[in-house]
């Protein structure tokens, strides 16, 4: 039986999709949200993690419903947990 777990979606992928659907560039989204554009760039390129604060700001300023905001934040938690599961120093198996 194969127990390999697929890599979960990074929340930056979801954010990138939302921005594209709304016709927003990373820079424009950053201006709307009130953060530096390097933060949005880092998120959509999957180099940075999404914090609850940024998830909330994103939801408010991009007009996301609480369900979409929760989906994005849960994606970060799933991604973080998956990264922990990949850490050989934890030796959980």
Protein backbone atom coordinates (compact mmCIF):
# COMPACT_ATOMS: atom_id res chain seq x y z
CA UNK A 1 0.00 0.00 0.00
CA UNK A 2 1.39 3.40 -1.02
CA UNK A 3 1.27 5.89 1.86
CA UNK A 4 2.80 8.77 -0.08
CA UNK A 5 0.99 12.01 0.65
CA UNK A 6 0.66 14.50 -2.16
CA UNK A 7 2.20 17.91 -1.61
CA UNK A 8 -0.60 20.23 -0.50
CA UNK A 9 -1.29 23.45 -2.36
CA UNK A 10 0.64 26.44 -1.08
CA UNK A 11 -1.73 29.33 -0.27
CA UNK A 12 0.20 31.51 -2.70
CA UNK A 13 -1.22 29.42 -5.55
CA UNK A 14 -4.73 30.18 -4.32
CA UNK A 15 -3.92 33.86 -3.86
CA UNK A 16 -2.44 34.06 -7.35
CA UNK A 17 -5.65 32.57 -8.78
CA UNK A 18 -7.83 35.05 -6.86
CA UNK A 19 -5.73 38.00 -8.02
CA UNK A 20 -5.89 36.82 -11.62
CA UNK A 21 -9.68 36.38 -11.42
CA UNK A 22 -9.99 39.95 -10.17
CA UNK A 23 -7.57 41.33 -12.75
CA UNK A 24 -5.13 42.53 -10.09
CA UNK A 25 -1.37 42.63 -10.28
CA UNK A 26 0.68 41.79 -7.21
CA UNK A 27 1.53 45.48 -6.87
CA UNK A 28 -2.08 46.64 -7.08
CA UNK A 29 -3.17 43.99 -4.57
CA UNK A 30 -0.40 45.09 -2.19
CA UNK A 31 -1.58 48.70 -2.44
CA UNK A 32 -5.18 47.66 -1.72
CA UNK A 33 -4.20 45.47 1.21
CA UNK A 34 -1.68 47.98 2.59
CA UNK A 35 1.43 45.82 2.47
CA UNK A 36 4.70 45.98 0.54
CA UNK A 37 4.54 44.39 -2.90
CA UNK A 38 7.44 42.08 -2.00
CA UNK A 39 5.12 40.35 0.47
CA UNK A 40 2.55 39.56 -2.22
CA UNK A 41 5.35 38.57 -4.63
CA UNK A 42 6.77 36.23 -1.99
CA UNK A 43 3.40 34.65 -1.30
CA UNK A 44 2.42 34.01 -4.91
CA UNK A 45 5.89 32.66 -5.70
CA UNK A 46 5.54 30.31 -2.69
CA UNK A 47 8.60 31.68 -0.91
CA UNK A 48 6.72 33.15 2.06
CA UNK A 49 4.06 31.78 4.36
CA UNK A 50 0.67 33.34 4.89
CA UNK A 51 0.03 34.64 8.38
CA UNK A 52 -3.44 34.96 9.89
CA UNK A 53 -3.03 38.76 9.80
CA UNK A 54 -2.29 38.83 6.09
CA UNK A 55 -5.09 36.33 5.43
CA UNK A 56 -7.53 38.62 7.22
CA UNK A 57 -6.30 41.76 5.46
CA UNK A 58 -6.51 39.97 2.13
CA UNK A 59 -10.06 38.83 2.82
CA UNK A 60 -11.22 42.31 3.80
CA UNK A 61 -9.52 44.33 1.06
CA UNK A 62 -10.09 41.88 -1.79
CA UNK A 63 -13.70 41.30 -0.79
CA UNK A 64 -13.32 37.60 -0.06
CA UNK A 65 -15.97 35.83 1.91
CA UNK A 66 -15.00 34.19 5.15
CA UNK A 67 -15.15 30.77 3.44
CA UNK A 68 -12.48 31.77 0.89
CA UNK A 69 -10.31 33.40 3.54
CA UNK A 70 -10.56 30.27 5.68
CA UNK A 71 -9.69 28.09 2.70
CA UNK A 72 -6.51 30.08 2.06
CA UNK A 73 -5.43 30.04 5.70
CA UNK A 74 -6.19 26.33 6.02
CA UNK A 75 -4.02 25.74 2.95
CA UNK A 76 -1.12 27.34 4.85
CA UNK A 77 -1.71 25.14 7.88
CA UNK A 78 -1.87 22.01 5.71
CA UNK A 79 1.30 23.06 3.88
CA UNK A 80 3.10 23.76 7.18
CA UNK A 81 2.05 20.40 8.59
CA UNK A 82 3.20 18.66 5.42
CA UNK A 83 6.60 20.39 5.72
CA UNK A 84 6.89 19.16 9.30
CA UNK A 85 6.03 15.67 8.15
CA UNK A 86 8.93 15.85 5.67
CA UNK A 87 11.44 16.77 8.38
CA UNK A 88 13.60 13.70 9.06
CA UNK A 89 14.79 15.09 12.40
CA UNK A 90 11.30 14.62 13.87
CA UNK A 91 11.41 10.88 13.12
CA UNK A 92 7.72 10.38 13.79
CA UNK A 93 7.50 7.05 12.03
